[in-house]
Amino acid sequence: MFEVLVFMFENYFANHAQPDSEVLTIELSAAGFAQSDIYGAVSWFDEMKTMLHQPATVYAHQDTATRMFADIELKKINTESISFILFLQQAKVINDVERDLIIDRAMALKQEHIQIEEMRWITMIALWNAGREKDYLFVEDAIFNPRGLTIH
């Protein structure tokens, strides 16, 4: 399913193309993806869009609070990925609500473990779909720059 998400993002959503679900399903099937992966990816995107359009949660004490990860999250998401998300939050690239959205979308993937590459892609997809293209570019630099992040 993760490969379908990346394919959808690179070929449709990053170009602001929003084909309807039926057309998208046909095209993804023609590209060789399994139906179960296609339906899972489309559902994953739809759930993310729904979450993005809900009223933002206001966290009390957000400047002094610490996010405690549940055991199930720690088993699925590796330490490097958690560190990446916390780095983005400390750098003010993402806020508490976006952090929790990214973690939710990572947990929604069917794979047993989430590595740093998947977490970076999930973050890029979430930022792009939230209309945060500028911040998306920061994360894209983190993914594709072989020398690491370029801090200006």
N, C-alpha and C. Protein backbone atom coordinates (compact mmCIF):
# COMPACT_ATOMS: atom_id res chain seq x y z
N MET A 1 0.82 -1.19 0.00
CA MET A 1 0.00 0.00 0.00
C MET A 1 0.87 1.26 0.00
N PHE A 2 1.98 1.23 0.71
CA PHE A 2 2.84 2.41 0.79
C PHE A 2 3.32 2.83 -0.60
N GLU A 3 3.70 1.86 -1.44
CA GLU A 3 4.16 2.17 -2.79
C GLU A 3 3.07 2.86 -3.60
N VAL A 4 1.83 2.47 -3.39
CA VAL A 4 0.70 3.11 -4.09
C VAL A 4 0.57 4.56 -3.63
N LEU A 5 0.71 4.80 -2.33
CA LEU A 5 0.63 6.17 -1.81
C LEU A 5 1.69 7.07 -2.44
N VAL A 6 2.91 6.59 -2.51
CA VAL A 6 4.00 7.37 -3.10
C VAL A 6 3.71 7.62 -4.58
N PHE A 7 3.27 6.58 -5.29
CA PHE A 7 2.94 6.72 -6.72
C PHE A 7 1.83 7.74 -6.92
N MET A 8 0.78 7.66 -6.09
CA MET A 8 -0.33 8.61 -6.20
C MET A 8 0.16 10.03 -5.96
N PHE A 9 0.98 10.20 -4.96
CA PHE A 9 1.47 11.54 -4.64
C PHE A 9 2.33 12.09 -5.77
N GLU A 10 3.28 11.29 -6.24
CA GLU A 10 4.20 11.77 -7.27
C GLU A 10 3.50 12.05 -8.59
N ASN A 11 2.50 11.24 -8.94
CA ASN A 11 1.88 11.33 -10.26
C ASN A 11 0.58 12.12 -10.31
N TYR A 12 -0.04 12.34 -9.18
CA TYR A 12 -1.32 13.04 -9.19
C TYR A 12 -1.33 14.26 -8.27
N PHE A 13 -1.20 14.02 -6.99
CA PHE A 13 -1.45 15.06 -6.01
C PHE A 13 -0.40 16.16 -6.00
N ALA A 14 0.86 15.82 -6.20
CA ALA A 14 1.91 16.85 -6.23
C ALA A 14 1.73 17.78 -7.43
N ASN A 15 1.04 17.30 -8.46
CA ASN A 15 0.76 18.10 -9.65
C ASN A 15 -0.62 18.74 -9.59
N HIS A 16 -1.25 18.69 -8.43
CA HIS A 16 -2.59 19.23 -8.20
C HIS A 16 -3.65 18.57 -9.06
N ALA A 17 -3.37 17.36 -9.54
CA ALA A 17 -4.37 16.59 -10.27
C ALA A 17 -5.18 15.79 -9.25
N GLN A 18 -6.49 15.88 -9.33
CA GLN A 18 -7.35 15.18 -8.38
C GLN A 18 -8.38 14.35 -9.16
N PRO A 19 -7.93 13.25 -9.79
CA PRO A 19 -8.91 12.43 -10.51
C PRO A 19 -9.88 11.79 -9.52
N ASP A 20 -11.10 11.51 -10.01
CA ASP A 20 -12.05 10.88 -9.10
C ASP A 20 -11.59 9.46 -8.78
N SER A 21 -12.16 8.90 -7.75
CA SER A 21 -11.70 7.60 -7.24
C SER A 21 -11.78 6.49 -8.27
N GLU A 22 -12.82 6.51 -9.10
CA GLU A 22 -12.98 5.45 -10.10
C GLU A 22 -11.87 5.52 -11.15
N VAL A 23 -11.60 6.71 -11.66
CA VAL A 23 -10.53 6.89 -12.66
C VAL A 23 -9.18 6.54 -12.03
N LEU A 24 -8.97 7.00 -10.83
CA LEU A 24 -7.72 6.73 -10.13
C LEU A 24 -7.51 5.23 -9.95
N THR A 25 -8.55 4.53 -9.55
CA THR A 25 -8.47 3.08 -9.34
C THR A 25 -8.13 2.37 -10.64
N ILE A 26 -8.74 2.77 -11.73
CA ILE A 26 -8.46 2.16 -13.04
C ILE A 26 -7.02 2.40 -13.44
N GLU A 27 -6.54 3.63 -13.29
CA GLU A 27 -5.17 3.96 -13.69
C GLU A 27 -4.14 3.26 -12.81
N LEU A 28 -4.41 3.17 -11.52
CA LEU A 28 -3.47 2.47 -10.62
C LEU A 28 -3.45 0.98 -10.91
N SER A 29 -4.60 0.42 -11.24
CA SER A 29 -4.66 -0.99 -11.61
C SER A 29 -3.88 -1.23 -12.90
N ALA A 30 -4.01 -0.32 -13.86
CA ALA A 30 -3.27 -0.43 -15.12
C ALA A 30 -1.76 -0.30 -14.89
N ALA A 31 -1.38 0.42 -13.83
CA ALA A 31 0.04 0.57 -13.50
C ALA A 31 0.59 -0.67 -12.80
N GLY A 32 -0.28 -1.64 -12.49
CA GLY A 32 0.17 -2.91 -11.94
C GLY A 32 0.00 -3.09 -10.45
N PHE A 33 -0.69 -2.18 -9.79
CA PHE A 33 -0.89 -2.31 -8.34
C PHE A 33 -2.07 -3.23 -8.04
N ALA A 34 -1.98 -3.95 -6.94
CA ALA A 34 -3.05 -4.86 -6.50
C ALA A 34 -4.25 -4.05 -6.02
N GLN A 35 -5.44 -4.59 -6.26
CA GLN A 35 -6.68 -3.90 -5.88
C GLN A 35 -6.71 -3.59 -4.38
N SER A 36 -6.28 -4.53 -3.55
CA SER A 36 -6.32 -4.30 -2.10
C SER A 36 -5.41 -3.13 -1.71
N ASP A 37 -4.25 -3.01 -2.36
CA ASP A 37 -3.35 -1.89 -2.08
C ASP A 37 -3.94 -0.57 -2.57
N ILE A 38 -4.60 -0.62 -3.72
CA ILE A 38 -5.22 0.58 -4.28
C ILE A 38 -6.33 1.08 -3.34
N TYR A 39 -7.23 0.19 -2.96
CA TYR A 39 -8.33 0.60 -2.08
C TYR A 39 -7.81 1.08 -0.73
N GLY A 40 -6.78 0.42 -0.22
CA GLY A 40 -6.18 0.84 1.04
C GLY A 40 -5.59 2.23 0.94
N ALA A 41 -4.88 2.52 -0.16
CA ALA A 41 -4.25 3.83 -0.34
C ALA A 41 -5.29 4.93 -0.54
N VAL A 42 -6.31 4.66 -1.33
CA VAL A 42 -7.37 5.65 -1.55
C VAL A 42 -8.08 5.95 -0.23
N SER A 43 -8.36 4.91 0.54
CA SER A 43 -9.00 5.09 1.85
C SER A 43 -8.09 5.89 2.79
N TRP A 44 -6.80 5.60 2.77
CA TRP A 44 -5.81 6.31 3.60
C TRP A 44 -5.83 7.80 3.29
N PHE A 45 -5.82 8.14 1.99
CA PHE A 45 -5.87 9.55 1.57
C PHE A 45 -7.19 10.20 1.98
N ASP A 46 -8.29 9.50 1.77
CA ASP A 46 -9.60 10.05 2.12
C ASP A 46 -9.70 10.33 3.62
N GLU A 47 -9.18 9.42 4.44
CA GLU A 47 -9.19 9.63 5.89
C GLU A 47 -8.32 10.82 6.27
N MET A 48 -7.18 10.97 5.60
CA MET A 48 -6.31 12.10 5.90
C MET A 48 -7.00 13.42 5.54
N LYS A 49 -7.64 13.47 4.39
CA LYS A 49 -8.35 14.68 3.98
C LYS A 49 -9.45 15.03 4.97
N THR A 50 -10.17 14.02 5.45
CA THR A 50 -11.21 14.25 6.45
C THR A 50 -10.61 14.84 7.71
N MET A 51 -9.50 14.29 8.15
CA MET A 51 -8.84 14.79 9.36
C MET A 51 -8.34 16.22 9.17
N LEU A 52 -7.85 16.54 7.97
CA LEU A 52 -7.33 17.89 7.70
C LEU A 52 -8.43 18.94 7.71
N HIS A 53 -9.66 18.53 7.41
CA HIS A 53 -10.77 19.49 7.35
C HIS A 53 -11.56 19.58 8.64
N GLN A 54 -11.15 18.84 9.66
CA GLN A 54 -11.81 18.95 10.96
C GLN A 54 -11.26 20.16 11.69
N PRO A 55 -12.06 20.73 12.58
CA PRO A 55 -11.54 21.87 13.36
C PRO A 55 -10.29 21.45 14.13
N ALA A 56 -9.33 22.34 14.17
CA ALA A 56 -8.06 22.04 14.85
C ALA A 56 -8.28 21.88 16.35
N THR A 57 -7.63 20.90 16.89
CA THR A 57 -7.66 20.67 18.32
C THR A 57 -6.72 21.67 18.99
N VAL A 58 -7.17 22.24 20.08
CA VAL A 58 -6.31 23.15 20.84
C VAL A 58 -5.79 22.38 22.04
N TYR A 59 -4.48 22.27 22.12
CA TYR A 59 -3.86 21.56 23.22
C TYR A 59 -3.54 22.53 24.35
N ALA A 60 -4.02 22.22 25.54
CA ALA A 60 -3.66 23.03 26.70
C ALA A 60 -2.19 22.79 27.02
N HIS A 61 -1.51 23.83 27.39
CA HIS A 61 -0.09 23.75 27.77
C HIS A 61 0.78 23.22 26.62
N GLN A 62 0.46 23.56 25.39
CA GLN A 62 1.20 22.99 24.28
C GLN A 62 2.68 23.35 24.28
N ASP A 63 3.05 24.47 24.86
CA ASP A 63 4.47 24.83 24.89
C ASP A 63 5.25 24.05 25.93
N THR A 64 4.57 23.52 26.93
CA THR A 64 5.28 22.81 28.00
C THR A 64 4.96 21.32 28.03
N ALA A 65 4.02 20.89 27.23
CA ALA A 65 3.61 19.48 27.25
C ALA A 65 4.59 18.62 26.45
N THR A 66 4.67 17.36 26.83
CA THR A 66 5.50 16.39 26.13
C THR A 66 4.60 15.29 25.60
N ARG A 67 4.77 14.94 24.35
CA ARG A 67 3.97 13.88 23.73
C ARG A 67 4.51 12.53 24.20
N MET A 68 3.67 11.76 24.83
CA MET A 68 4.04 10.41 25.26
C MET A 68 3.52 9.44 24.20
N PHE A 69 4.40 8.60 23.70
CA PHE A 69 4.02 7.64 22.67
C PHE A 69 3.50 6.37 23.33
N ALA A 70 2.42 5.84 22.78
CA ALA A 70 1.85 4.59 23.27
C ALA A 70 2.78 3.44 22.88
N ASP A 71 2.70 2.36 23.62
CA ASP A 71 3.55 1.19 23.33
C ASP A 71 3.36 0.70 21.90
N ILE A 72 2.12 0.70 21.43
CA ILE A 72 1.85 0.23 20.07
C ILE A 72 2.53 1.13 19.03
N GLU A 73 2.58 2.43 19.30
CA GLU A 73 3.27 3.37 18.40
C GLU A 73 4.78 3.11 18.42
N LEU A 74 5.33 2.89 19.61
CA LEU A 74 6.77 2.65 19.73
C LEU A 74 7.18 1.33 19.09
N LYS A 75 6.29 0.37 19.06
CA LYS A 75 6.59 -0.92 18.42
C LYS A 75 6.56 -0.80 16.90
N LYS A 76 5.69 0.05 16.39
CA LYS A 76 5.52 0.16 14.94
C LYS A 76 6.46 1.20 14.33
N ILE A 77 6.63 2.33 14.98
CA ILE A 77 7.41 3.45 14.42
C ILE A 77 8.81 3.42 15.04
N ASN A 78 9.84 3.33 14.19
CA ASN A 78 11.20 3.21 14.74
C ASN A 78 11.67 4.53 15.36
N THR A 79 12.72 4.44 16.14
CA THR A 79 13.24 5.58 16.90
C THR A 79 13.65 6.73 16.00
N GLU A 80 14.28 6.41 14.88
CA GLU A 80 14.71 7.46 13.95
C GLU A 80 13.52 8.25 13.42
N SER A 81 12.43 7.56 13.14
CA SER A 81 11.22 8.22 12.64
C SER A 81 10.59 9.11 13.70
N ILE A 82 10.55 8.63 14.93
CA ILE A 82 10.01 9.45 16.02
C ILE A 82 10.88 10.68 16.23
N SER A 83 12.19 10.49 16.18
CA SER A 83 13.12 11.62 16.33
C SER A 83 12.91 12.64 15.22
N PHE A 84 12.67 12.17 14.01
CA PHE A 84 12.43 13.05 12.87
C PHE A 84 11.19 13.92 13.11
N ILE A 85 10.11 13.30 13.56
CA ILE A 85 8.87 14.03 13.82
C ILE A 85 9.08 15.05 14.94
N LEU A 86 9.75 14.64 15.99
CA LEU A 86 10.00 15.56 17.11
C LEU A 86 10.91 16.70 16.69
N PHE A 87 11.89 16.42 15.81
CA PHE A 87 12.74 17.48 15.27
C PHE A 87 11.92 18.50 14.50
N LEU A 88 11.02 18.02 13.64
CA LEU A 88 10.17 18.93 12.86
C LEU A 88 9.30 19.78 13.77
N GLN A 89 8.82 19.19 14.83
CA GLN A 89 7.98 19.93 15.77
C GLN A 89 8.82 20.98 16.51
N GLN A 90 9.99 20.62 16.97
CA GLN A 90 10.85 21.56 17.69
C GLN A 90 11.32 22.69 16.77
N ALA A 91 11.48 22.39 15.48
CA ALA A 91 11.89 23.40 14.50
C ALA A 91 10.69 24.23 14.03
N LYS A 92 9.50 23.94 14.56
CA LYS A 92 8.27 24.66 14.23
C LYS A 92 7.85 24.47 12.76
N VAL A 93 8.28 23.35 12.17
CA VAL A 93 7.83 23.00 10.83
C VAL A 93 6.42 22.42 10.91
N ILE A 94 6.15 21.66 11.96
CA ILE A 94 4.82 21.12 12.21
C ILE A 94 4.39 21.49 13.63
N ASN A 95 3.07 21.52 13.84
CA ASN A 95 2.56 21.79 15.18
C ASN A 95 2.07 20.48 15.82
N ASP A 96 1.50 20.57 17.00
CA ASP A 96 1.04 19.38 17.72
C ASP A 96 -0.01 18.60 16.93
N VAL A 97 -0.95 19.31 16.34
CA VAL A 97 -2.03 18.66 15.60
C VAL A 97 -1.47 17.94 14.38
N GLU A 98 -0.56 18.60 13.66
CA GLU A 98 0.04 17.97 12.47
C GLU A 98 0.89 16.77 12.86
N ARG A 99 1.60 16.88 13.98
CA ARG A 99 2.39 15.75 14.49
C ARG A 99 1.48 14.55 14.72
N ASP A 100 0.36 14.79 15.38
CA ASP A 100 -0.56 13.69 15.67
C ASP A 100 -1.21 13.14 14.41
N LEU A 101 -1.48 13.99 13.44
CA LEU A 101 -2.01 13.53 12.15
C LEU A 101 -0.98 12.62 11.47
N ILE A 102 0.27 13.03 11.45
CA ILE A 102 1.32 12.24 10.81
C ILE A 102 1.47 10.89 11.52
N ILE A 103 1.44 10.89 12.83
CA ILE A 103 1.54 9.64 13.58
C ILE A 103 0.33 8.75 13.30
N ASP A 104 -0.86 9.35 13.24
CA ASP A 104 -2.07 8.59 12.93
C ASP A 104 -1.96 7.94 11.56
N ARG A 105 -1.49 8.69 10.58
CA ARG A 105 -1.38 8.15 9.22
C ARG A 105 -0.29 7.07 9.14
N ALA A 106 0.76 7.21 9.93
CA ALA A 106 1.78 6.15 9.98
C ALA A 106 1.19 4.87 10.57
N MET A 107 0.41 5.03 11.63
CA MET A 107 -0.20 3.87 12.28
C MET A 107 -1.25 3.22 11.37
N ALA A 108 -1.83 3.99 10.46
CA ALA A 108 -2.86 3.46 9.57
C ALA A 108 -2.29 2.62 8.44
N LEU A 109 -0.99 2.71 8.20
CA LEU A 109 -0.38 1.87 7.16
C LEU A 109 -0.43 0.41 7.60
N LYS A 110 -0.59 -0.48 6.65
CA LYS A 110 -0.75 -1.90 6.95
C LYS A 110 0.56 -2.60 7.31
N GLN A 111 1.69 -1.98 7.00
CA GLN A 111 2.96 -2.65 7.26
C GLN A 111 3.26 -2.72 8.75
N GLU A 112 4.08 -3.69 9.11
CA GLU A 112 4.36 -3.96 10.53
C GLU A 112 5.20 -2.87 11.17
N HIS A 113 6.19 -2.34 10.44
CA HIS A 113 7.09 -1.33 10.99
C HIS A 113 7.19 -0.13 10.05
N ILE A 114 7.36 1.05 10.63
CA ILE A 114 7.53 2.28 9.87
C ILE A 114 8.98 2.73 10.05
N GLN A 115 9.67 2.83 8.93
CA GLN A 115 11.06 3.29 8.91
C GLN A 115 11.09 4.77 8.57
N ILE A 116 12.26 5.37 8.63
CA ILE A 116 12.40 6.81 8.39
C ILE A 116 11.93 7.22 7.00
N GLU A 117 12.20 6.40 5.99
CA GLU A 117 11.77 6.77 4.63
C GLU A 117 10.25 6.91 4.56
N GLU A 118 9.54 5.95 5.13
CA GLU A 118 8.07 6.03 5.12
C GLU A 118 7.59 7.25 5.91
N MET A 119 8.21 7.50 7.05
CA MET A 119 7.79 8.64 7.87
C MET A 119 8.01 9.96 7.14
N ARG A 120 9.10 10.07 6.42
CA ARG A 120 9.35 11.30 5.65
C ARG A 120 8.30 11.47 4.56
N TRP A 121 7.97 10.39 3.87
CA TRP A 121 6.95 10.48 2.83
C TRP A 121 5.59 10.84 3.41
N ILE A 122 5.23 10.21 4.51
CA ILE A 122 3.95 10.52 5.16
C ILE A 122 3.90 12.00 5.53
N THR A 123 5.00 12.51 6.05
CA THR A 123 5.07 13.92 6.43
C THR A 123 4.92 14.81 5.21
N MET A 124 5.62 14.49 4.13
CA MET A 124 5.50 15.29 2.90
C MET A 124 4.07 15.28 2.38
N ILE A 125 3.46 14.12 2.34
CA ILE A 125 2.09 14.01 1.83
C ILE A 125 1.14 14.82 2.70
N ALA A 126 1.29 14.72 4.01
CA ALA A 126 0.41 15.47 4.92
C ALA A 126 0.58 16.97 4.76
N LEU A 127 1.82 17.44 4.70
CA LEU A 127 2.06 18.88 4.55
C LEU A 127 1.54 19.39 3.21
N TRP A 128 1.76 18.65 2.15
CA TRP A 128 1.30 19.07 0.83
C TRP A 128 -0.22 19.17 0.81
N ASN A 129 -0.89 18.16 1.35
CA ASN A 129 -2.35 18.16 1.34
C ASN A 129 -2.94 19.20 2.28
N ALA A 130 -2.17 19.66 3.24
CA ALA A 130 -2.63 20.72 4.14
C ALA A 130 -2.35 22.10 3.55
N GLY A 131 -1.83 22.15 2.31
CA GLY A 131 -1.53 23.43 1.67
C GLY A 131 -0.25 24.06 2.19
N ARG A 132 0.64 23.26 2.69
CA ARG A 132 1.88 23.76 3.28
C ARG A 132 3.06 23.41 2.37
N GLU A 133 2.98 23.83 1.10
CA GLU A 133 4.00 23.49 0.13
C GLU A 133 5.40 23.96 0.53
N LYS A 134 5.49 25.12 1.18
CA LYS A 134 6.79 25.64 1.61
C LYS A 134 7.44 24.69 2.61
N ASP A 135 6.67 24.23 3.57
CA ASP A 135 7.20 23.29 4.55
C ASP A 135 7.45 21.93 3.92
N TYR A 136 6.64 21.59 2.93
CA TYR A 136 6.85 20.36 2.18
C TYR A 136 8.25 20.37 1.56
N LEU A 137 8.68 21.51 1.02
CA LEU A 137 10.00 21.60 0.40
C LEU A 137 11.10 21.34 1.41
N PHE A 138 10.92 21.76 2.65
CA PHE A 138 11.89 21.49 3.71
C PHE A 138 12.03 19.98 3.92
N VAL A 139 10.90 19.29 3.98
CA VAL A 139 10.93 17.85 4.20
C VAL A 139 11.46 17.14 2.96
N GLU A 140 11.11 17.63 1.78
CA GLU A 140 11.64 17.05 0.55
C GLU A 140 13.16 17.13 0.55
N ASP A 141 13.71 18.24 1.00
CA ASP A 141 15.16 18.40 1.10
C ASP A 141 15.73 17.34 2.05
N ALA A 142 15.02 17.06 3.12
CA ALA A 142 15.48 16.06 4.08
C ALA A 142 15.50 14.66 3.47
N ILE A 143 14.61 14.42 2.52
CA ILE A 143 14.53 13.09 1.90
C ILE A 143 15.56 12.91 0.79
N PHE A 144 15.65 13.88 -0.09
CA PHE A 144 16.41 13.68 -1.31
C PHE A 144 17.80 14.27 -1.33
N ASN A 145 18.15 15.11 -0.37
CA ASN A 145 19.47 15.71 -0.36
C ASN A 145 20.46 14.72 0.25
N PRO A 146 21.42 14.21 -0.54
CA PRO A 146 22.35 13.21 -0.01
C PRO A 146 23.25 13.75 1.09
N ARG A 147 23.39 15.06 1.20
CA ARG A 147 24.24 15.67 2.22
C ARG A 147 23.45 16.03 3.48
N GLY A 148 22.17 15.71 3.51
CA GLY A 148 21.36 16.04 4.68
C GLY A 148 20.62 17.35 4.47
N LEU A 149 20.01 17.84 5.51
CA LEU A 149 19.22 19.07 5.44
C LEU A 149 20.08 20.27 5.12
N THR A 150 19.52 21.17 4.31
CA THR A 150 20.15 22.45 4.04
C THR A 150 19.46 23.48 4.90
N ILE A 151 20.14 23.97 5.91
CA ILE A 151 19.56 24.98 6.81
C ILE A 151 20.02 26.35 6.34
N HIS A 152 19.06 27.25 6.10
CA HIS A 152 19.39 28.61 5.64
C HIS A 152 19.31 29.57 6.78
